[in-house]
Amino acid sequence: MTTQGHEEKRYDQRDTTLKFVNRPDALDPMPPDEGDQGLRAEMSCGHAVTPQSLTGWCRSLLDQGQYKFKCPALKDGTVHKCDALWSYQEVRRLAVLTAAEMQHFEENMARLAATEYCDFKTCPGCKSYIEREDLTNLCVLCLVCTADKNEEVHFCWQCLMPWKGPAPRSDRCGNDGCINHDLELLRTCKTTSFLEVVGVVGCPSIRACPTCGHKVEHDKTGCKNLICPRCQVEFCFVCLKLTPDCLETSNYFSPCSAGVAPRQTSIPDCFTKNL
């Protein structure tokens, strides 16, 4: 059940399909109000949640472009995250999602999955959707235009103008103004701060994943690490090291020993090469 205003979702204690536990909510570190009788249910990983906290956590993941739901709680007696993967079916049931919430979740999950696995753009000539197969070559052949004109028609994946100059090429075509907008964004984005990580100054607000190059933005809440929605690798948004490497000399909520990594001037070759 869910209601509007200040009322919160609560489990039905008669629901025998759920395992209720007398443990704190693993997703909400704040102690419950005195007299709070809200039920906690156990997720498949063993951590306790309330429908409200589970909904909030999974919504925050969607807002960050992440459609795979993982448990952020720490393993008992350690500083390591649980990271157990929850199925959408489990989340839907234990978060007690409403019909409107289910529509929001499912539409965004489908959109994010399509973005992860497909790389489509519109041909500037015929306007048909084209998937680029060679991610290291900006020169793309449009089969529809080629068939219509009985000659090969290529356009630039970066500036969406008719291809000009030699090919294949990974940085730009010969048209004026053909620049890598992703790199330009990384070089010119504003700086950001973190609500729960003190002492970090001058960190760019947008980063390219050090593993796959996917652009990500931190929502400023929680720890300084995040999980790339494309490759699922967790890395530190501040120093750009993979999380295990960063944690060797730091922790989730303290400044990195290596300091703030400078603005990126290249993106991993597996997706886009340097200018």
C-alpha atoms as a PDB file:
ATOM      1  CA  MET A   1       0.000   0.000   0.000  1.00  0.00           C
ATOM      2  CA  THR A   2       1.199   3.528  -0.708  1.00  0.00           C
ATOM      3  CA  THR A   3      -0.328   6.886  -0.002  1.00  0.00           C
ATOM      4  CA  GLN A   4       0.408  10.515  -0.712  1.00  0.00           C
ATOM      5  CA  GLY A   5       1.638  13.257   1.605  1.00  0.00           C
ATOM      6  CA  HIS A   6       3.499  12.342   4.771  1.00  0.00           C
ATOM      7  CA  GLU A   7       2.226   8.794   5.017  1.00  0.00           C
ATOM      8  CA  GLU A   8       4.613   6.051   4.037  1.00  0.00           C
ATOM      9  CA  LYS A   9       4.298   2.673   2.402  1.00  0.00           C
ATOM     10  CA  ARG A  10       4.001  -0.214   4.806  1.00  0.00           C
ATOM     11  CA  TYR A  11       3.998  -3.967   4.435  1.00  0.00           C
ATOM     12  CA  ASP A  12       0.919  -6.015   5.150  1.00  0.00           C
ATOM     13  CA  GLN A  13       1.897  -8.200   8.107  1.00  0.00           C
ATOM     14  CA  ARG A  14      -0.506 -10.870   6.821  1.00  0.00           C
ATOM     15  CA  ASP A  15       1.612 -11.310   3.668  1.00  0.00           C
ATOM     16  CA  THR A  16       3.123 -14.771   4.114  1.00  0.00           C
ATOM     17  CA  THR A  17       5.237 -14.465   0.942  1.00  0.00           C
ATOM     18  CA  LEU A  18       7.607 -12.033   2.708  1.00  0.00           C
ATOM     19  CA  LYS A  19      10.088 -12.756   5.483  1.00  0.00           C
ATOM     20  CA  PHE A  20       9.756 -10.097   8.164  1.00  0.00           C
ATOM     21  CA  VAL A  21      12.739  -9.442  10.439  1.00  0.00           C
ATOM     22  CA  ASN A  22      13.395  -7.423  13.572  1.00  0.00           C
ATOM     23  CA  ARG A  23      16.506  -5.629  12.288  1.00  0.00           C
ATOM     24  CA  PRO A  24      17.271  -2.019  11.307  1.00  0.00           C
ATOM     25  CA  ASP A  25      16.628  -0.876   7.754  1.00  0.00           C
ATOM     26  CA  ALA A  26      19.946  -1.473   5.951  1.00  0.00           C
ATOM     27  CA  LEU A  27      19.187   1.288   3.424  1.00  0.00           C
ATOM     28  CA  ASP A  28      18.387   3.944   6.013  1.00  0.00           C
ATOM     29  CA  PRO A  29      21.118   4.378   8.650  1.00  0.00           C
ATOM     30  CA  MET A  30      18.975   6.738  10.736  1.00  0.00           C
ATOM     31  CA  PRO A  31      17.431   5.011  13.773  1.00  0.00           C
ATOM     32  CA  PRO A  32      13.654   4.619  13.600  1.00  0.00           C
ATOM     33  CA  ASP A  33      11.426   7.019  15.496  1.00  0.00           C
ATOM     34  CA  GLU A  34      10.510   5.886  18.968  1.00  0.00           C
ATOM     35  CA  GLY A  35       7.468   3.692  18.770  1.00  0.00           C
ATOM     36  CA  ASP A  36       7.881   3.035  15.056  1.00  0.00           C
ATOM     37  CA  GLN A  37       6.182  -0.245  14.266  1.00  0.00           C
ATOM     38  CA  GLY A  38       7.025  -0.335  10.568  1.00  0.00           C
ATOM     39  CA  LEU A  39       7.809  -3.834   9.341  1.00  0.00           C
ATOM     40  CA  ARG A  40      11.171  -4.693   7.779  1.00  0.00           C
ATOM     41  CA  ALA A  41      11.377  -7.392   5.136  1.00  0.00           C
ATOM     42  CA  GLU A  42      14.457  -9.406   4.206  1.00  0.00           C
ATOM     43  CA  MET A  43      15.843  -9.134   0.690  1.00  0.00           C
ATOM     44  CA  SER A  44      17.367 -12.149  -1.062  1.00  0.00           C
ATOM     45  CA  CYS A  45      20.835 -10.968   0.049  1.00  0.00           C
ATOM     46  CA  GLY A  46      19.776 -11.021   3.707  1.00  0.00           C
ATOM     47  CA  HIS A  47      19.579  -7.263   4.329  1.00  0.00           C
ATOM     48  CA  ALA A  48      16.452  -5.719   5.819  1.00  0.00           C
ATOM     49  CA  VAL A  49      14.514  -2.963   4.037  1.00  0.00           C
ATOM     50  CA  THR A  50      11.281  -1.034   4.208  1.00  0.00           C
ATOM     51  CA  PRO A  51       9.235  -0.419   1.056  1.00  0.00           C
ATOM     52  CA  GLN A  52       9.919   3.320   1.369  1.00  0.00           C
ATOM     53  CA  SER A  53      13.717   3.019   1.588  1.00  0.00           C
ATOM     54  CA  LEU A  54      13.877   0.407  -1.158  1.00  0.00           C
ATOM     55  CA  THR A  55      11.815   2.573  -3.504  1.00  0.00           C
ATOM     56  CA  GLY A  56      13.992   5.600  -2.752  1.00  0.00           C
ATOM     57  CA  TRP A  57      17.278   3.752  -3.312  1.00  0.00           C
ATOM     58  CA  CYS A  58      16.211   2.166  -6.596  1.00  0.00           C
ATOM     59  CA  ARG A  59      14.786   5.465  -7.845  1.00  0.00           C
ATOM     60  CA  SER A  60      18.123   7.135  -7.114  1.00  0.00           C
ATOM     61  CA  LEU A  61      19.889   4.463  -9.173  1.00  0.00           C
ATOM     62  CA  LEU A  62      17.538   5.110 -12.103  1.00  0.00           C
ATOM     63  CA  ASP A  63      18.202   8.850 -11.809  1.00  0.00           C
ATOM     64  CA  GLN A  64      21.923   8.093 -12.147  1.00  0.00           C
ATOM     65  CA  GLY A  65      21.346   6.048 -15.312  1.00  0.00           C
ATOM     66  CA  GLN A  66      21.646   2.699 -13.541  1.00  0.00           C
ATOM     67  CA  TYR A  67      18.951   0.125 -14.287  1.00  0.00           C
ATOM     68  CA  LYS A  68      20.491  -2.831 -12.439  1.00  0.00           C
ATOM     69  CA  PHE A  69      19.619  -2.709  -8.769  1.00  0.00           C
ATOM     70  CA  LYS A  70      22.383  -3.655  -6.313  1.00  0.00           C
ATOM     71  CA  CYS A  71      22.390  -3.676  -2.528  1.00  0.00           C
ATOM     72  CA  PRO A  72      24.478  -0.768  -1.134  1.00  0.00           C
ATOM     73  CA  ALA A  73      24.575  -2.059   2.451  1.00  0.00           C
ATOM     74  CA  LEU A  74      27.871  -3.096   3.996  1.00  0.00           C
ATOM     75  CA  LYS A  75      28.586  -6.729   4.665  1.00  0.00           C
ATOM     76  CA  ASP A  76      28.465  -7.514   8.366  1.00  0.00           C
ATOM     77  CA  GLY A  77      31.681  -6.555  10.111  1.00  0.00           C
ATOM     78  CA  THR A  78      33.365  -5.209   6.959  1.00  0.00           C
ATOM     79  CA  VAL A  79      33.748  -1.991   4.972  1.00  0.00           C
ATOM     80  CA  HIS A  80      32.788  -3.762   1.746  1.00  0.00           C
ATOM     81  CA  LYS A  81      29.465  -3.271   0.022  1.00  0.00           C
ATOM     82  CA  CYS A  82      27.126  -6.213  -0.354  1.00  0.00           C
ATOM     83  CA  ASP A  83      26.565  -5.445  -4.084  1.00  0.00           C
ATOM     84  CA  ALA A  84      24.086  -8.305  -4.426  1.00  0.00           C
ATOM     85  CA  LEU A  85      22.022  -7.948  -7.597  1.00  0.00           C
ATOM     86  CA  TRP A  86      18.283  -7.707  -6.989  1.00  0.00           C
ATOM     87  CA  SER A  87      15.903  -8.671  -9.772  1.00  0.00           C
ATOM     88  CA  TYR A  88      13.288  -6.144 -10.814  1.00  0.00           C
ATOM     89  CA  GLN A  89      10.623  -8.644  -9.790  1.00  0.00           C
ATOM     90  CA  GLU A  90      12.025  -8.685  -6.245  1.00  0.00           C
ATOM     91  CA  VAL A  91      12.317  -4.902  -6.129  1.00  0.00           C
ATOM     92  CA  ARG A  92       8.782  -4.440  -7.472  1.00  0.00           C
ATOM     93  CA  ARG A  93       7.355  -6.740  -4.802  1.00  0.00           C
ATOM     94  CA  LEU A  94       9.331  -5.571  -1.754  1.00  0.00           C
ATOM     95  CA  ALA A  95       9.198  -1.888  -2.704  1.00  0.00           C
ATOM     96  CA  VAL A  96       5.414  -2.256  -3.050  1.00  0.00           C
ATOM     97  CA  LEU A  97       5.536  -0.245  -6.268  1.00  0.00           C
ATOM     98  CA  THR A  98       2.335   1.439  -7.363  1.00  0.00           C
ATOM     99  CA  ALA A  99       1.079   1.192 -10.947  1.00  0.00           C
ATOM    100  CA  ALA A 100       2.519   4.644 -11.684  1.00  0.00           C
ATOM    101  CA  GLU A 101       5.872   3.700 -10.138  1.00  0.00           C
ATOM    102  CA  MET A 102       6.007   0.451 -12.111  1.00  0.00           C
ATOM    103  CA  GLN A 103       5.424   2.386 -15.333  1.00  0.00           C
ATOM    104  CA  HIS A 104       8.177   4.858 -14.414  1.00  0.00           C
ATOM    105  CA  PHE A 105      10.629   2.083 -13.526  1.00  0.00           C
ATOM    106  CA  GLU A 106       9.928  -0.080 -16.564  1.00  0.00           C
ATOM    107  CA  GLU A 107      10.025   2.752 -19.106  1.00  0.00           C
ATOM    108  CA  ASN A 108      13.334   4.043 -17.759  1.00  0.00           C
ATOM    109  CA  MET A 109      14.849   0.568 -17.465  1.00  0.00           C
ATOM    110  CA  ALA A 110      13.980  -0.143 -21.108  1.00  0.00           C
ATOM    111  CA  ARG A 111      15.429   3.187 -22.241  1.00  0.00           C
ATOM    112  CA  LEU A 112      18.668   2.713 -20.310  1.00  0.00           C
ATOM    113  CA  ALA A 113      19.098  -0.854 -21.540  1.00  0.00           C
ATOM    114  CA  ALA A 114      18.648   0.280 -25.144  1.00  0.00           C
ATOM    115  CA  THR A 115      21.222   3.031 -24.637  1.00  0.00           C
ATOM    116  CA  GLU A 116      23.703   0.552 -23.200  1.00  0.00           C
ATOM    117  CA  TYR A 117      23.500  -2.049 -25.923  1.00  0.00           C
ATOM    118  CA  CYS A 118      22.736   0.078 -28.992  1.00  0.00           C
ATOM    119  CA  ASP A 119      24.453   3.055 -30.622  1.00  0.00           C
ATOM    120  CA  PHE A 120      21.969   4.652 -33.032  1.00  0.00           C
ATOM    121  CA  LYS A 121      21.842   7.980 -34.862  1.00  0.00           C
ATOM    122  CA  THR A 122      19.715   9.443 -37.634  1.00  0.00           C
ATOM    123  CA  CYS A 123      21.169   9.703 -41.129  1.00  0.00           C
ATOM    124  CA  PRO A 124      21.243  13.423 -42.058  1.00  0.00           C
ATOM    125  CA  GLY A 125      20.054  12.524 -45.561  1.00  0.00           C
ATOM    126  CA  CYS A 126      17.196  10.019 -45.374  1.00  0.00           C
ATOM    127  CA  LYS A 127      16.558  10.339 -41.599  1.00  0.00           C
ATOM    128  CA  SER A 128      16.602   6.558 -41.105  1.00  0.00           C
ATOM    129  CA  TYR A 129      18.087   5.138 -37.884  1.00  0.00           C
ATOM    130  CA  ILE A 130      21.536   3.641 -38.286  1.00  0.00           C
ATOM    131  CA  GLU A 131      23.587   1.580 -35.850  1.00  0.00           C
ATOM    132  CA  ARG A 132      27.331   2.111 -35.957  1.00  0.00           C
ATOM    133  CA  GLU A 133      29.183  -1.207 -35.933  1.00  0.00           C
ATOM    134  CA  ASP A 134      32.784   0.051 -35.930  1.00  0.00           C
ATOM    135  CA  LEU A 135      33.091   2.306 -32.866  1.00  0.00           C
ATOM    136  CA  THR A 136      36.577   3.438 -33.914  1.00  0.00           C
ATOM    137  CA  ASN A 137      35.462   4.891 -37.257  1.00  0.00           C
ATOM    138  CA  LEU A 138      33.384   8.077 -37.548  1.00  0.00           C
ATOM    139  CA  CYS A 139      32.763   7.512 -41.254  1.00  0.00           C
ATOM    140  CA  VAL A 140      29.430   5.683 -41.533  1.00  0.00           C
ATOM    141  CA  LEU A 141      27.797   4.240 -44.644  1.00  0.00           C
ATOM    142  CA  CYS A 142      24.041   4.754 -45.050  1.00  0.00           C
ATOM    143  CA  LEU A 143      22.651   1.772 -46.962  1.00  0.00           C
ATOM    144  CA  VAL A 144      19.326   3.498 -47.656  1.00  0.00           C
ATOM    145  CA  CYS A 145      20.896   6.586 -49.259  1.00  0.00           C
ATOM    146  CA  THR A 146      23.387   4.386 -51.096  1.00  0.00           C
ATOM    147  CA  ALA A 147      20.552   2.344 -52.615  1.00  0.00           C
ATOM    148  CA  ASP A 148      18.564   5.466 -53.566  1.00  0.00           C
ATOM    149  CA  LYS A 149      21.495   7.237 -55.219  1.00  0.00           C
ATOM    150  CA  ASN A 150      23.212   4.132 -56.575  1.00  0.00           C
ATOM    151  CA  GLU A 151      26.510   5.257 -55.029  1.00  0.00           C
ATOM    152  CA  GLU A 152      28.054   5.007 -51.581  1.00  0.00           C
ATOM    153  CA  VAL A 153      26.862   7.756 -49.247  1.00  0.00           C
ATOM    154  CA  HIS A 154      28.815   8.326 -46.028  1.00  0.00           C
ATOM    155  CA  PHE A 155      28.213  10.769 -43.201  1.00  0.00           C
ATOM    156  CA  CYS A 156      30.134  11.762 -40.078  1.00  0.00           C
ATOM    157  CA  TRP A 157      28.902  10.183 -36.857  1.00  0.00           C
ATOM    158  CA  GLN A 158      30.251  13.143 -34.896  1.00  0.00           C
ATOM    159  CA  CYS A 159      28.981  16.237 -36.741  1.00  0.00           C
ATOM    160  CA  LEU A 160      26.252  14.501 -38.829  1.00  0.00           C
ATOM    161  CA  MET A 161      27.448  16.179 -42.008  1.00  0.00           C
ATOM    162  CA  PRO A 162      28.249  14.427 -45.306  1.00  0.00           C
ATOM    163  CA  TRP A 163      31.651  12.806 -44.835  1.00  0.00           C
ATOM    164  CA  LYS A 164      34.588  14.918 -45.943  1.00  0.00           C
ATOM    165  CA  GLY A 165      38.225  13.864 -46.077  1.00  0.00           C
ATOM    166  CA  PRO A 166      40.054  10.531 -45.758  1.00  0.00           C
ATOM    167  CA  ALA A 167      38.576   7.558 -43.924  1.00  0.00           C
ATOM    168  CA  PRO A 168      38.559   5.594 -41.691  1.00  0.00           C
ATOM    169  CA  ARG A 169      39.166   8.163 -38.985  1.00  0.00           C
ATOM    170  CA  SER A 170      38.324   8.186 -35.273  1.00  0.00           C
ATOM    171  CA  ASP A 171      38.830  11.821 -34.229  1.00  0.00           C
ATOM    172  CA  ARG A 172      36.966  14.016 -36.753  1.00  0.00           C
ATOM    173  CA  CYS A 173      36.085  14.484 -40.430  1.00  0.00           C
ATOM    174  CA  GLY A 174      37.229  17.306 -42.699  1.00  0.00           C
ATOM    175  CA  ASN A 175      34.216  19.551 -42.079  1.00  0.00           C
ATOM    176  CA  ASP A 176      34.789  22.800 -40.183  1.00  0.00           C
ATOM    177  CA  GLY A 177      33.488  22.629 -36.625  1.00  0.00           C
ATOM    178  CA  CYS A 178      33.616  18.850 -36.383  1.00  0.00           C
ATOM    179  CA  ILE A 179      34.639  18.359 -32.771  1.00  0.00           C
ATOM    180  CA  ASN A 180      34.191  15.646 -30.186  1.00  0.00           C
ATOM    181  CA  HIS A 181      31.402  17.090 -28.047  1.00  0.00           C
ATOM    182  CA  ASP A 182      31.962  14.524 -25.313  1.00  0.00           C
ATOM    183  CA  LEU A 183      35.549  15.662 -24.833  1.00  0.00           C
ATOM    184  CA  GLU A 184      34.492  19.301 -25.046  1.00  0.00           C
ATOM    185  CA  LEU A 185      31.955  18.656 -22.278  1.00  0.00           C
ATOM    186  CA  LEU A 186      34.578  16.989 -20.091  1.00  0.00           C
ATOM    187  CA  ARG A 187      36.894  19.962 -20.589  1.00  0.00           C
ATOM    188  CA  THR A 188      34.365  22.710 -19.907  1.00  0.00           C
ATOM    189  CA  CYS A 189      31.869  21.287 -17.386  1.00  0.00           C
ATOM    190  CA  LYS A 190      31.438  23.017 -14.035  1.00  0.00           C
ATOM    191  CA  THR A 191      32.992  21.692 -10.842  1.00  0.00           C
ATOM    192  CA  THR A 192      30.963  19.946  -8.162  1.00  0.00           C
ATOM    193  CA  SER A 193      31.035  19.270  -4.431  1.00  0.00           C
ATOM    194  CA  PHE A 194      29.861  16.338  -2.314  1.00  0.00           C
ATOM    195  CA  LEU A 195      27.449  16.532   0.595  1.00  0.00           C
ATOM    196  CA  GLU A 196      28.996  13.656   2.541  1.00  0.00           C
ATOM    197  CA  VAL A 197      32.627  13.710   1.361  1.00  0.00           C
ATOM    198  CA  VAL A 198      34.425  16.589   3.059  1.00  0.00           C
ATOM    199  CA  GLY A 199      37.575  18.167   1.661  1.00  0.00           C
ATOM    200  CA  VAL A 200      37.079  17.541  -2.081  1.00  0.00           C
ATOM    201  CA  VAL A 201      37.502  20.769  -4.059  1.00  0.00           C
ATOM    202  CA  GLY A 202      37.503  21.440  -7.805  1.00  0.00           C
ATOM    203  CA  CYS A 203      36.156  18.075  -8.969  1.00  0.00           C
ATOM    204  CA  PRO A 204      34.664  18.186 -12.506  1.00  0.00           C
ATOM    205  CA  SER A 205      30.920  17.513 -12.439  1.00  0.00           C
ATOM    206  CA  ILE A 206      31.055  15.129 -15.408  1.00  0.00           C
ATOM    207  CA  ARG A 207      33.471  12.251 -15.906  1.00  0.00           C
ATOM    208  CA  ALA A 208      34.076   9.552 -18.488  1.00  0.00           C
ATOM    209  CA  CYS A 209      34.139   6.064 -17.020  1.00  0.00           C
ATOM    210  CA  PRO A 210      37.826   5.027 -16.905  1.00  0.00           C
ATOM    211  CA  THR A 211      36.869   1.584 -18.174  1.00  0.00           C
ATOM    212  CA  CYS A 212      34.429   2.169 -21.041  1.00  0.00           C
ATOM    213  CA  GLY A 213      34.277   5.939 -21.570  1.00  0.00           C
ATOM    214  CA  HIS A 214      30.564   6.359 -20.789  1.00  0.00           C
ATOM    215  CA  LYS A 215      29.756   9.884 -19.505  1.00  0.00           C
ATOM    216  CA  VAL A 216      28.470   9.974 -15.929  1.00  0.00           C
ATOM    217  CA  GLU A 217      27.470  12.680 -13.454  1.00  0.00           C
ATOM    218  CA  HIS A 218      27.504  12.308  -9.671  1.00  0.00           C
ATOM    219  CA  ASP A 219      24.304  13.336  -7.849  1.00  0.00           C
ATOM    220  CA  LYS A 220      26.420  14.713  -4.949  1.00  0.00           C
ATOM    221  CA  THR A 221      24.828  12.375  -2.389  1.00  0.00           C
ATOM    222  CA  GLY A 222      26.304   9.304  -0.738  1.00  0.00           C
ATOM    223  CA  CYS A 223      29.900   8.230  -1.209  1.00  0.00           C
ATOM    224  CA  LYS A 224      32.305   9.412  -3.896  1.00  0.00           C
ATOM    225  CA  ASN A 225      32.145   6.124  -5.837  1.00  0.00           C
ATOM    226  CA  LEU A 226      29.576   5.133  -8.425  1.00  0.00           C
ATOM    227  CA  ILE A 227      28.793   2.236 -10.742  1.00  0.00           C
ATOM    228  CA  CYS A 228      28.993   2.873 -14.479  1.00  0.00           C
ATOM    229  CA  PRO A 229      25.576   2.133 -16.015  1.00  0.00           C
ATOM    230  CA  ARG A 230      27.208   0.819 -19.189  1.00  0.00           C
ATOM    231  CA  CYS A 231      29.983  -1.529 -18.056  1.00  0.00           C
ATOM    232  CA  GLN A 232      28.898  -2.032 -14.407  1.00  0.00           C
ATOM    233  CA  VAL A 233      32.399  -1.218 -13.098  1.00  0.00           C
ATOM    234  CA  GLU A 234      32.575   0.769  -9.847  1.00  0.00           C
ATOM    235  CA  PHE A 235      35.093   3.615  -9.756  1.00  0.00           C
ATOM    236  CA  CYS A 236      35.918   6.710  -7.730  1.00  0.00           C
ATOM    237  CA  PHE A 237      34.452   9.871  -9.262  1.00  0.00           C
ATOM    238  CA  VAL A 238      37.178  11.977  -7.632  1.00  0.00           C
ATOM    239  CA  CYS A 239      40.480  10.246  -8.436  1.00  0.00           C
ATOM    240  CA  LEU A 240      39.130   8.075 -11.318  1.00  0.00           C
ATOM    241  CA  LYS A 241      40.720   4.925  -9.895  1.00  0.00           C
ATOM    242  CA  LEU A 242      38.732   1.714  -9.762  1.00  0.00           C
ATOM    243  CA  THR A 243      37.111   1.481  -6.335  1.00  0.00           C
ATOM    244  CA  PRO A 244      39.330  -1.346  -4.958  1.00  0.00           C
ATOM    245  CA  ASP A 245      42.455   0.666  -5.880  1.00  0.00           C
ATOM    246  CA  CYS A 246      41.094   3.875  -4.361  1.00  0.00           C
ATOM    247  CA  LEU A 247      40.121   2.118  -1.126  1.00  0.00           C
ATOM    248  CA  GLU A 248      43.671   0.889  -0.577  1.00  0.00           C
ATOM    249  CA  THR A 249      44.624   4.362   0.685  1.00  0.00           C
ATOM    250  CA  SER A 250      41.250   5.985   1.318  1.00  0.00           C
ATOM    251  CA  ASN A 251      37.633   5.165   2.159  1.00  0.00           C
ATOM    252  CA  TYR A 252      34.226   5.866   0.635  1.00  0.00           C
ATOM    253  CA  PHE A 253      33.732   9.188   2.410  1.00  0.00           C
ATOM    254  CA  SER A 254      37.229  10.694   2.698  1.00  0.00           C
ATOM    255  CA  PRO A 255      39.387  12.600   0.177  1.00  0.00           C
ATOM    256  CA  CYS A 256      41.549  10.482  -2.107  1.00  0.00           C
ATOM    257  CA  SER A 257      45.241  10.184  -1.324  1.00  0.00           C
ATOM    258  CA  ALA A 258      45.976  10.970  -4.977  1.00  0.00           C
ATOM    259  CA  GLY A 259      43.785  14.074  -4.884  1.00  0.00           C
ATOM    260  CA  VAL A 260      41.303  15.125  -7.541  1.00  0.00           C
ATOM    261  CA  ALA A 261      42.118  13.732 -10.986  1.00  0.00           C
ATOM    262  CA  PRO A 262      42.441  16.510 -13.598  1.00  0.00           C
ATOM    263  CA  ARG A 263      39.898  17.039 -16.343  1.00  0.00           C
ATOM    264  CA  GLN A 264      39.975  14.216 -18.843  1.00  0.00           C
ATOM    265  CA  THR A 265      41.368  14.948 -22.295  1.00  0.00           C
ATOM    266  CA  SER A 266      40.783  11.495 -23.744  1.00  0.00           C
ATOM    267  CA  ILE A 267      38.174   8.751 -23.590  1.00  0.00           C
ATOM    268  CA  PRO A 268      39.019   5.032 -23.499  1.00  0.00           C
ATOM    269  CA  ASP A 269      39.717   3.648 -26.979  1.00  0.00           C
ATOM    270  CA  CYS A 270      37.032   1.002 -26.719  1.00  0.00           C
ATOM    271  CA  PHE A 271      34.433   3.696 -27.435  1.00  0.00           C
ATOM    272  CA  THR A 272      35.953   7.001 -28.592  1.00  0.00           C
ATOM    273  CA  LYS A 273      39.583   7.889 -29.219  1.00  0.00           C
ATOM    274  CA  ASN A 274      41.365  11.052 -28.272  1.00  0.00           C
ATOM    275  CA  LEU A 275      41.215  14.075 -30.554  1.00  0.00           C
END
